[in-house]
């Protein structure tokens, strides 16, 4: 149980850092693509994305095409729920 709480604490800290960078106007050139963080924050089994998921999707918007082409993460982008999450979070997919 303590280990789970520590992991959640680290995830919350990571989300806060990403959101702060996004709010500070971080450019696409400085965006760090982190699909694992998106995978952790965006549970596609839920009906709607949580705020942390939308924040990460927006912060990593320039990475979405890269994720869609990666066999490890493509299933999260190239499916109905993944596309619905992107639309709900107002994240466009240029690819």
PDB file of N, CA and C in Angstrom:
ATOM      1  N   UNK A   1       0.827  -1.190   0.000  1.00  0.00           N
ATOM      2  CA  UNK A   1       0.000   0.000   0.000  1.00  0.00           C
ATOM      3  C   UNK A   1       0.872   1.256   0.000  1.00  0.00           C
ATOM      4  N   UNK A   2       1.932   1.249   0.810  1.00  0.00           N
ATOM      5  CA  UNK A   2       2.819   2.412   0.867  1.00  0.00           C
ATOM      6  C   UNK A   2       3.512   2.631  -0.465  1.00  0.00           C
ATOM      7  N   UNK A   3       3.852   1.534  -1.147  1.00  0.00           N
ATOM      8  CA  UNK A   3       4.508   1.629  -2.451  1.00  0.00           C
ATOM      9  C   UNK A   3       3.569   2.270  -3.469  1.00  0.00           C
ATOM     10  N   UNK A   4       2.276   1.896  -3.419  1.00  0.00           N
ATOM     11  CA  UNK A   4       1.297   2.468  -4.339  1.00  0.00           C
ATOM     12  C   UNK A   4       1.145   3.967  -4.088  1.00  0.00           C
ATOM     13  N   UNK A   5       1.119   4.352  -2.824  1.00  0.00           N
ATOM     14  CA  UNK A   5       0.989   5.772  -2.488  1.00  0.00           C
ATOM     15  C   UNK A   5       2.208   6.540  -2.976  1.00  0.00           C
ATOM     16  N   UNK A   6       3.407   5.929  -2.890  1.00  0.00           N
ATOM     17  CA  UNK A   6       4.621   6.588  -3.352  1.00  0.00           C
ATOM     18  C   UNK A   6       4.566   6.766  -4.863  1.00  0.00           C
ATOM     19  N   UNK A   7       4.101   5.746  -5.590  1.00  0.00           N
ATOM     20  CA  UNK A   7       3.995   5.855  -7.039  1.00  0.00           C
ATOM     21  C   UNK A   7       3.008   6.941  -7.430  1.00  0.00           C
ATOM     22  N   UNK A   8       1.863   7.017  -6.732  1.00  0.00           N
ATOM     23  CA  UNK A   8       0.883   8.063  -7.015  1.00  0.00           C
ATOM     24  C   UNK A   8       1.467   9.436  -6.730  1.00  0.00           C
ATOM     25  N   UNK A   9       2.243   9.536  -5.660  1.00  0.00           N
ATOM     26  CA  UNK A   9       2.877  10.807  -5.322  1.00  0.00           C
ATOM     27  C   UNK A   9       3.854  11.249  -6.397  1.00  0.00           C
ATOM     28  N   UNK A  10       4.623  10.298  -6.930  1.00  0.00           N
ATOM     29  CA  UNK A  10       5.564  10.619  -8.000  1.00  0.00           C
ATOM     30  C   UNK A  10       4.831  11.015  -9.259  1.00  0.00           C
ATOM     31  N   UNK A  11       3.715  10.330  -9.550  1.00  0.00           N
ATOM     32  CA  UNK A  11       2.923  10.661 -10.736  1.00  0.00           C
ATOM     33  C   UNK A  11       2.339  12.063 -10.610  1.00  0.00           C
ATOM     34  N   UNK A  12       1.826  12.389  -9.445  1.00  0.00           N
ATOM     35  CA  UNK A  12       1.273  13.725  -9.224  1.00  0.00           C
ATOM     36  C   UNK A  12       2.362  14.775  -9.408  1.00  0.00           C
ATOM     37  N   UNK A  13       3.547  14.508  -8.890  1.00  0.00           N
ATOM     38  CA  UNK A  13       4.657  15.456  -9.050  1.00  0.00           C
ATOM     39  C   UNK A  13       5.033  15.612 -10.517  1.00  0.00           C
ATOM     40  N   UNK A  14       5.067  14.503 -11.249  1.00  0.00           N
ATOM     41  CA  UNK A  14       5.379  14.556 -12.678  1.00  0.00           C
ATOM     42  C   UNK A  14       4.326  15.354 -13.432  1.00  0.00           C
ATOM     43  N   UNK A  15       3.069  15.114 -13.121  1.00  0.00           N
ATOM     44  CA  UNK A  15       1.983  15.844 -13.778  1.00  0.00           C
ATOM     45  C   UNK A  15       2.104  17.330 -13.499  1.00  0.00           C
ATOM     46  N   UNK A  16       2.401  17.695 -12.265  1.00  0.00           N
ATOM     47  CA  UNK A  16       2.536  19.109 -11.914  1.00  0.00           C
ATOM     48  C   UNK A  16       3.680  19.757 -12.685  1.00  0.00           C
ATOM     49  N   UNK A  17       4.797  19.073 -12.817  1.00  0.00           N
ATOM     50  CA  UNK A  17       5.938  19.621 -13.561  1.00  0.00           C
ATOM     51  C   UNK A  17       5.556  19.827 -15.012  1.00  0.00           C
ATOM     52  N   UNK A  18       4.905  18.833 -15.610  1.00  0.00           N
ATOM     53  CA  UNK A  18       4.501  18.947 -17.014  1.00  0.00           C
ATOM     54  C   UNK A  18       3.512  20.084 -17.190  1.00  0.00           C
ATOM     55  N   UNK A  19       2.552  20.196 -16.289  1.00  0.00           N
ATOM     56  CA  UNK A  19       1.569  21.275 -16.394  1.00  0.00           C
ATOM     57  C   UNK A  19       2.216  22.643 -16.221  1.00  0.00           C
ATOM     58  N   UNK A  20       3.167  22.743 -15.323  1.00  0.00           N
ATOM     59  CA  UNK A  20       3.869  24.011 -15.146  1.00  0.00           C
ATOM     60  C   UNK A  20       4.668  24.380 -16.392  1.00  0.00           C
ATOM     61  N   UNK A  21       5.302  23.398 -16.997  1.00  0.00           N
ATOM     62  CA  UNK A  21       6.039  23.664 -18.234  1.00  0.00           C
ATOM     63  C   UNK A  21       5.093  24.101 -19.346  1.00  0.00           C
ATOM     64  N   UNK A  22       3.962  23.425 -19.444  1.00  0.00           N
ATOM     65  CA  UNK A  22       2.993  23.776 -20.483  1.00  0.00           C
ATOM     66  C   UNK A  22       2.445  25.180 -20.249  1.00  0.00           C
ATOM     67  N   UNK A  23       2.163  25.512 -19.014  1.00  0.00           N
ATOM     68  CA  UNK A  23       1.640  26.846 -18.704  1.00  0.00           C
ATOM     69  C   UNK A  23       2.683  27.922 -18.934  1.00  0.00           C
ATOM     70  N   UNK A  24       3.945  27.564 -18.815  1.00  0.00           N
ATOM     71  CA  UNK A  24       5.027  28.527 -19.003  1.00  0.00           C
ATOM     72  C   UNK A  24       5.361  28.752 -20.460  1.00  0.00           C
ATOM     73  N   UNK A  25       4.630  28.108 -21.354  1.00  0.00           N
ATOM     74  CA  UNK A  25       4.857  28.325 -22.779  1.00  0.00           C
ATOM     75  C   UNK A  25       6.006  27.514 -23.330  1.00  0.00           C
ATOM     76  N   UNK A  26       6.227  26.329 -22.814  1.00  0.00           N
ATOM     77  CA  UNK A  26       7.296  25.477 -23.351  1.00  0.00           C
ATOM     78  C   UNK A  26       7.023  25.192 -24.809  1.00  0.00           C
ATOM     79  N   UNK A  27       8.013  25.335 -25.623  1.00  0.00           N
ATOM     80  CA  UNK A  27       7.834  25.128 -27.057  1.00  0.00           C
ATOM     81  C   UNK A  27       7.914  23.655 -27.392  1.00  0.00           C
ATOM     82  N   UNK A  28       7.483  23.309 -28.604  1.00  0.00           N
ATOM     83  CA  UNK A  28       7.527  21.921 -29.062  1.00  0.00           C
ATOM     84  C   UNK A  28       8.958  21.408 -29.072  1.00  0.00           C
ATOM     85  N   UNK A  29       9.919  22.289 -29.292  1.00  0.00           N
ATOM     86  CA  UNK A  29      11.315  21.876 -29.349  1.00  0.00           C
ATOM     87  C   UNK A  29      11.810  21.395 -27.988  1.00  0.00           C
ATOM     88  N   UNK A  30      11.221  21.903 -26.894  1.00  0.00           N
ATOM     89  CA  UNK A  30      11.654  21.501 -25.568  1.00  0.00           C
ATOM     90  C   UNK A  30      10.747  20.451 -24.953  1.00  0.00           C
ATOM     91  N   UNK A  31       9.722  20.010 -25.669  1.00  0.00           N
ATOM     92  CA  UNK A  31       8.809  19.005 -25.163  1.00  0.00           C
ATOM     93  C   UNK A  31       9.519  17.664 -25.057  1.00  0.00           C
ATOM     94  N   UNK A  32       9.379  17.034 -23.913  1.00  0.00           N
ATOM     95  CA  UNK A  32       9.911  15.695 -23.720  1.00  0.00           C
ATOM     96  C   UNK A  32       8.764  14.721 -23.921  1.00  0.00           C
ATOM     97  N   UNK A  33       8.882  13.869 -24.908  1.00  0.00           N
ATOM     98  CA  UNK A  33       7.839  12.888 -25.187  1.00  0.00           C
ATOM     99  C   UNK A  33       7.952  11.766 -24.166  1.00  0.00           C
ATOM    100  N   UNK A  34       6.885  11.560 -23.410  1.00  0.00           N
ATOM    101  CA  UNK A  34       6.880  10.551 -22.362  1.00  0.00           C
ATOM    102  C   UNK A  34       5.569   9.775 -22.428  1.00  0.00           C
ATOM    103  N   UNK A  35       5.538   8.768 -23.276  1.00  0.00           N
ATOM    104  CA  UNK A  35       4.328   7.971 -23.458  1.00  0.00           C
ATOM    105  C   UNK A  35       3.959   7.209 -22.195  1.00  0.00           C
ATOM    106  N   UNK A  36       4.939   6.817 -21.410  1.00  0.00           N
ATOM    107  CA  UNK A  36       4.657   6.076 -20.180  1.00  0.00           C
ATOM    108  C   UNK A  36       3.847   6.928 -19.198  1.00  0.00           C
ATOM    109  N   UNK A  37       4.138   8.222 -19.134  1.00  0.00           N
ATOM    110  CA  UNK A  37       3.377   9.111 -18.253  1.00  0.00           C
ATOM    111  C   UNK A  37       1.940   9.231 -18.737  1.00  0.00           C
ATOM    112  N   UNK A  38       1.762   9.306 -20.060  1.00  0.00           N
ATOM    113  CA  UNK A  38       0.404   9.355 -20.618  1.00  0.00           C
ATOM    114  C   UNK A  38      -0.343   8.060 -20.330  1.00  0.00           C
ATOM    115  N   UNK A  39       0.341   6.959 -20.497  1.00  0.00           N
ATOM    116  CA  UNK A  39      -0.275   5.653 -20.246  1.00  0.00           C
ATOM    117  C   UNK A  39      -0.747   5.562 -18.795  1.00  0.00           C
ATOM    118  N   UNK A  40       0.047   6.084 -17.880  1.00  0.00           N
ATOM    119  CA  UNK A  40      -0.310   6.048 -16.461  1.00  0.00           C
ATOM    120  C   UNK A  40      -1.465   6.989 -16.138  1.00  0.00           C
ATOM    121  N   UNK A  41      -1.518   8.139 -16.769  1.00  0.00           N
ATOM    122  CA  UNK A  41      -2.538   9.140 -16.446  1.00  0.00           C
ATOM    123  C   UNK A  41      -3.837   8.963 -17.217  1.00  0.00           C
ATOM    124  N   UNK A  42      -3.770   8.354 -18.387  1.00  0.00           N
ATOM    125  CA  UNK A  42      -4.940   8.240 -19.256  1.00  0.00           C
ATOM    126  C   UNK A  42      -5.437   6.796 -19.301  1.00  0.00           C
ATOM    127  N   UNK A  43      -6.398   6.482 -18.461  1.00  0.00           N
ATOM    128  CA  UNK A  43      -6.985   5.149 -18.433  1.00  0.00           C
ATOM    129  C   UNK A  43      -8.101   5.105 -19.469  1.00  0.00           C
ATOM    130  N   UNK A  44      -7.850   4.447 -20.588  1.00  0.00           N
ATOM    131  CA  UNK A  44      -8.810   4.419 -21.682  1.00  0.00           C
ATOM    132  C   UNK A  44     -10.055   3.607 -21.367  1.00  0.00           C
ATOM    133  N   UNK A  45     -10.067   2.920 -20.240  1.00  0.00           N
ATOM    134  CA  UNK A  45     -11.275   2.184 -19.845  1.00  0.00           C
ATOM    135  C   UNK A  45     -12.310   3.112 -19.213  1.00  0.00           C
ATOM    136  N   UNK A  46     -11.874   4.316 -18.835  1.00  0.00           N
ATOM    137  CA  UNK A  46     -12.808   5.293 -18.276  1.00  0.00           C
ATOM    138  C   UNK A  46     -13.601   5.932 -19.404  1.00  0.00           C
ATOM    139  N   UNK A  47     -14.740   6.482 -19.070  1.00  0.00           N
ATOM    140  CA  UNK A  47     -15.569   7.135 -20.082  1.00  0.00           C
ATOM    141  C   UNK A  47     -14.965   8.464 -20.529  1.00  0.00           C
ATOM    142  N   UNK A  48     -14.398   9.181 -19.598  1.00  0.00           N
ATOM    143  CA  UNK A  48     -13.844  10.507 -19.894  1.00  0.00           C
ATOM    144  C   UNK A  48     -12.444  10.625 -19.296  1.00  0.00           C
ATOM    145  N   UNK A  49     -11.598  11.399 -19.936  1.00  0.00           N
ATOM    146  CA  UNK A  49     -10.248  11.602 -19.378  1.00  0.00           C
ATOM    147  C   UNK A  49     -10.290  12.494 -18.147  1.00  0.00           C
ATOM    148  N   UNK A  50      -9.400  12.247 -17.227  1.00  0.00           N
ATOM    149  CA  UNK A  50      -9.271  13.103 -16.044  1.00  0.00           C
ATOM    150  C   UNK A  50      -8.414  14.315 -16.418  1.00  0.00           C
ATOM    151  N   UNK A  51      -8.421  15.321 -15.573  1.00  0.00           N
ATOM    152  CA  UNK A  51      -7.696  16.565 -15.847  1.00  0.00           C
ATOM    153  C   UNK A  51      -6.204  16.317 -16.074  1.00  0.00           C
ATOM    154  N   UNK A  52      -5.606  15.420 -15.295  1.00  0.00           N
ATOM    155  CA  UNK A  52      -4.179  15.138 -15.453  1.00  0.00           C
ATOM    156  C   UNK A  52      -3.886  14.564 -16.827  1.00  0.00           C
ATOM    157  N   UNK A  53      -4.786  13.727 -17.325  1.00  0.00           N
ATOM    158  CA  UNK A  53      -4.625  13.146 -18.658  1.00  0.00           C
ATOM    159  C   UNK A  53      -4.661  14.248 -19.713  1.00  0.00           C
ATOM    160  N   UNK A  54      -5.652  15.111 -19.638  1.00  0.00           N
ATOM    161  CA  UNK A  54      -5.756  16.197 -20.620  1.00  0.00           C
ATOM    162  C   UNK A  54      -4.535  17.110 -20.560  1.00  0.00           C
ATOM    163  N   UNK A  55      -4.058  17.398 -19.366  1.00  0.00           N
ATOM    164  CA  UNK A  55      -2.876  18.252 -19.236  1.00  0.00           C
ATOM    165  C   UNK A  55      -1.657  17.638 -19.912  1.00  0.00           C
ATOM    166  N   UNK A  56      -1.467  16.338 -19.721  1.00  0.00           N
ATOM    167  CA  UNK A  56      -0.335  15.662 -20.349  1.00  0.00           C
ATOM    168  C   UNK A  56      -0.508  15.572 -21.857  1.00  0.00           C
ATOM    169  N   UNK A  57      -1.732  15.300 -22.316  1.00  0.00           N
ATOM    170  CA  UNK A  57      -1.973  15.244 -23.762  1.00  0.00           C
ATOM    171  C   UNK A  57      -1.666  16.593 -24.409  1.00  0.00           C
ATOM    172  N   UNK A  58      -2.096  17.667 -23.774  1.00  0.00           N
ATOM    173  CA  UNK A  58      -1.823  19.000 -24.326  1.00  0.00           C
ATOM    174  C   UNK A  58      -0.330  19.305 -24.311  1.00  0.00           C
ATOM    175  N   UNK A  59       0.327  18.945 -23.216  1.00  0.00           N
ATOM    176  CA  UNK A  59       1.757  19.229 -23.090  1.00  0.00           C
ATOM    177  C   UNK A  59       2.579  18.427 -24.095  1.00  0.00           C
ATOM    178  N   UNK A  60       2.081  17.248 -24.468  1.00  0.00           N
ATOM    179  CA  UNK A  60       2.819  16.383 -25.381  1.00  0.00           C
ATOM    180  C   UNK A  60       2.143  16.289 -26.764  1.00  0.00           C
ATOM    181  N   UNK A  61       1.343  17.276 -27.104  1.00  0.00           N
ATOM    182  CA  UNK A  61       0.620  17.265 -28.370  1.00  0.00           C
ATOM    183  C   UNK A  61       1.553  17.070 -29.563  1.00  0.00           C
ATOM    184  N   UNK A  62       2.725  17.662 -29.517  1.00  0.00           N
ATOM    185  CA  UNK A  62       3.664  17.523 -30.631  1.00  0.00           C
ATOM    186  C   UNK A  62       4.237  16.105 -30.734  1.00  0.00           C
ATOM    187  N   UNK A  63       3.995  15.273 -29.732  1.00  0.00           N
ATOM    188  CA  UNK A  63       4.509  13.898 -29.718  1.00  0.00           C
ATOM    189  C   UNK A  63       3.479  12.877 -30.195  1.00  0.00           C
ATOM    190  N   UNK A  64       2.220  13.269 -30.336  1.00  0.00           N
ATOM    191  CA  UNK A  64       1.143  12.326 -30.610  1.00  0.00           C
ATOM    192  C   UNK A  64       1.406  11.514 -31.876  1.00  0.00           C
ATOM    193  N   UNK A  65       1.852  12.138 -32.947  1.00  0.00           N
ATOM    194  CA  UNK A  65       2.127  11.399 -34.186  1.00  0.00           C
ATOM    195  C   UNK A  65       3.239  10.373 -33.977  1.00  0.00           C
ATOM    196  N   UNK A  66       4.243  10.749 -33.221  1.00  0.00           N
ATOM    197  CA  UNK A  66       5.341   9.821 -32.906  1.00  0.00           C
ATOM    198  C   UNK A  66       4.794   8.608 -32.153  1.00  0.00           C
ATOM    199  N   UNK A  67       3.916   8.846 -31.181  1.00  0.00           N
ATOM    200  CA  UNK A  67       3.317   7.749 -30.430  1.00  0.00           C
ATOM    201  C   UNK A  67       2.455   6.871 -31.331  1.00  0.00           C
ATOM    202  N   UNK A  68       1.719   7.493 -32.252  1.00  0.00           N
ATOM    203  CA  UNK A  68       0.828   6.744 -33.141  1.00  0.00           C
ATOM    204  C   UNK A  68       1.596   5.800 -34.056  1.00  0.00           C
ATOM    205  N   UNK A  69       2.847   6.116 -34.336  1.00  0.00           N
ATOM    206  CA  UNK A  69       3.679   5.282 -35.214  1.00  0.00           C
ATOM    207  C   UNK A  69       4.481   4.233 -34.445  1.00  0.00           C
ATOM    208  N   UNK A  70       4.549   4.359 -33.138  1.00  0.00           N
ATOM    209  CA  UNK A  70       5.313   3.430 -32.304  1.00  0.00           C
ATOM    210  C   UNK A  70       4.431   2.221 -31.968  1.00  0.00           C
ATOM    211  N   UNK A  71       4.842   1.007 -32.356  1.00  0.00           N
ATOM    212  CA  UNK A  71       4.018  -0.179 -32.100  1.00  0.00           C
ATOM    213  C   UNK A  71       3.654  -0.380 -30.628  1.00  0.00           C
ATOM    214  N   UNK A  72       4.489   0.099 -29.734  1.00  0.00           N
ATOM    215  CA  UNK A  72       4.217  -0.053 -28.308  1.00  0.00           C
ATOM    216  C   UNK A  72       3.053   0.816 -27.855  1.00  0.00           C
ATOM    217  N   UNK A  73       2.922   2.014 -28.424  1.00  0.00           N
ATOM    218  CA  UNK A  73       1.919   2.959 -27.952  1.00  0.00           C
ATOM    219  C   UNK A  73       0.820   3.265 -28.957  1.00  0.00           C
ATOM    220  N   UNK A  74       0.921   2.778 -30.163  1.00  0.00           N
ATOM    221  CA  UNK A  74      -0.065   3.087 -31.204  1.00  0.00           C
ATOM    222  C   UNK A  74      -1.476   2.715 -30.790  1.00  0.00           C
ATOM    223  N   UNK A  75      -1.618   1.633 -30.046  1.00  0.00           N
ATOM    224  CA  UNK A  75      -2.964   1.188 -29.657  1.00  0.00           C
ATOM    225  C   UNK A  75      -3.685   2.218 -28.786  1.00  0.00           C
ATOM    226  N   UNK A  76      -2.932   3.061 -28.097  1.00  0.00           N
ATOM    227  CA  UNK A  76      -3.552   4.088 -27.265  1.00  0.00           C
ATOM    228  C   UNK A  76      -4.035   5.287 -28.084  1.00  0.00           C
ATOM    229  N   UNK A  77      -3.405   5.521 -29.214  1.00  0.00           N
ATOM    230  CA  UNK A  77      -3.754   6.663 -30.050  1.00  0.00           C
ATOM    231  C   UNK A  77      -4.733   6.254 -31.144  1.00  0.00           C
ATOM    232  N   UNK A  78      -4.502   5.102 -31.742  1.00  0.00           N
ATOM    233  CA  UNK A  78      -5.262   4.671 -32.913  1.00  0.00           C
ATOM    234  C   UNK A  78      -6.468   3.808 -32.568  1.00  0.00           C
ATOM    235  N   UNK A  79      -7.195   4.160 -31.551  1.00  0.00           N
ATOM    236  CA  UNK A  79      -8.434   3.449 -31.252  1.00  0.00           C
ATOM    237  C   UNK A  79      -9.515   4.463 -30.907  1.00  0.00           C
ATOM    238  N   UNK A  80     -10.740   3.991 -30.880  1.00  0.00           N
ATOM    239  CA  UNK A  80     -11.876   4.901 -30.673  1.00  0.00           C
ATOM    240  C   UNK A  80     -11.770   5.677 -29.366  1.00  0.00           C
ATOM    241  N   UNK A  81     -11.459   5.011 -28.255  1.00  0.00           N
ATOM    242  CA  UNK A  81     -11.361   5.715 -26.974  1.00  0.00           C
ATOM    243  C   UNK A  81     -10.198   6.693 -26.957  1.00  0.00           C
ATOM    244  N   UNK A  82      -9.076   6.307 -27.533  1.00  0.00           N
ATOM    245  CA  UNK A  82      -7.941   7.224 -27.591  1.00  0.00           C
ATOM    246  C   UNK A  82      -8.278   8.482 -28.369  1.00  0.00           C
ATOM    247  N   UNK A  83      -8.926   8.315 -29.509  1.00  0.00           N
ATOM    248  CA  UNK A  83      -9.329   9.484 -30.311  1.00  0.00           C
ATOM    249  C   UNK A  83     -10.373  10.324 -29.584  1.00  0.00           C
ATOM    250  N   UNK A  84     -11.271   9.654 -28.848  1.00  0.00           N
ATOM    251  CA  UNK A  84     -12.285  10.390 -28.086  1.00  0.00           C
ATOM    252  C   UNK A  84     -11.629  11.204 -26.978  1.00  0.00           C
ATOM    253  N   UNK A  85     -10.627  10.618 -26.307  1.00  0.00           N
ATOM    254  CA  UNK A  85      -9.908  11.354 -25.265  1.00  0.00           C
ATOM    255  C   UNK A  85      -9.220  12.576 -25.862  1.00  0.00           C
ATOM    256  N   UNK A  86      -8.577  12.401 -27.004  1.00  0.00           N
ATOM    257  CA  UNK A  86      -7.906  13.532 -27.661  1.00  0.00           C
ATOM    258  C   UNK A  86      -8.909  14.628 -27.988  1.00  0.00           C
ATOM    259  N   UNK A  87     -10.066  14.243 -28.525  1.00  0.00           N
ATOM    260  CA  UNK A  87     -11.093  15.229 -28.871  1.00  0.00           C
ATOM    261  C   UNK A  87     -11.643  15.913 -27.624  1.00  0.00           C
ATOM    262  N   UNK A  88     -11.911  15.153 -26.576  1.00  0.00           N
ATOM    263  CA  UNK A  88     -12.430  15.713 -25.326  1.00  0.00           C
ATOM    264  C   UNK A  88     -11.448  16.711 -24.717  1.00  0.00           C
ATOM    265  N   UNK A  89     -10.158  16.414 -24.848  1.00  0.00           N
ATOM    266  CA  UNK A  89      -9.116  17.293 -24.287  1.00  0.00           C
ATOM    267  C   UNK A  89      -8.743  18.403 -25.266  1.00  0.00           C
ATOM    268  N   UNK A  90      -9.419  18.459 -26.404  1.00  0.00           N
ATOM    269  CA  UNK A  90      -9.190  19.475 -27.437  1.00  0.00           C
ATOM    270  C   UNK A  90      -7.734  19.448 -27.942  1.00  0.00           C
ATOM    271  N   UNK A  91      -7.269  18.227 -28.221  1.00  0.00           N
ATOM    272  CA  UNK A  91      -5.919  18.019 -28.747  1.00  0.00           C
ATOM    273  C   UNK A  91      -6.068  17.535 -30.182  1.00  0.00           C
ATOM    274  N   UNK A  92      -5.528  18.294 -31.129  1.00  0.00           N
ATOM    275  CA  UNK A  92      -5.631  17.903 -32.523  1.00  0.00           C
ATOM    276  C   UNK A  92      -4.483  16.947 -32.882  1.00  0.00           C
ATOM    277  N   UNK A  93      -4.773  16.088 -33.831  1.00  0.00           N
ATOM    278  CA  UNK A  93      -3.790  15.107 -34.289  1.00  0.00           C
ATOM    279  C   UNK A  93      -3.503  15.399 -35.756  1.00  0.00           C
ATOM    280  N   UNK A  94      -2.356  15.986 -36.059  1.00  0.00           N
ATOM    281  CA  UNK A  94      -2.057  16.388 -37.429  1.00  0.00           C
ATOM    282  C   UNK A  94      -1.676  15.231 -38.359  1.00  0.00           C
ATOM    283  N   UNK A  95      -1.472  14.043 -37.831  1.00  0.00           N
ATOM    284  CA  UNK A  95      -1.037  12.931 -38.684  1.00  0.00           C
ATOM    285  C   UNK A  95      -2.202  12.013 -39.039  1.00  0.00           C
TER     286      UNK A  95
END
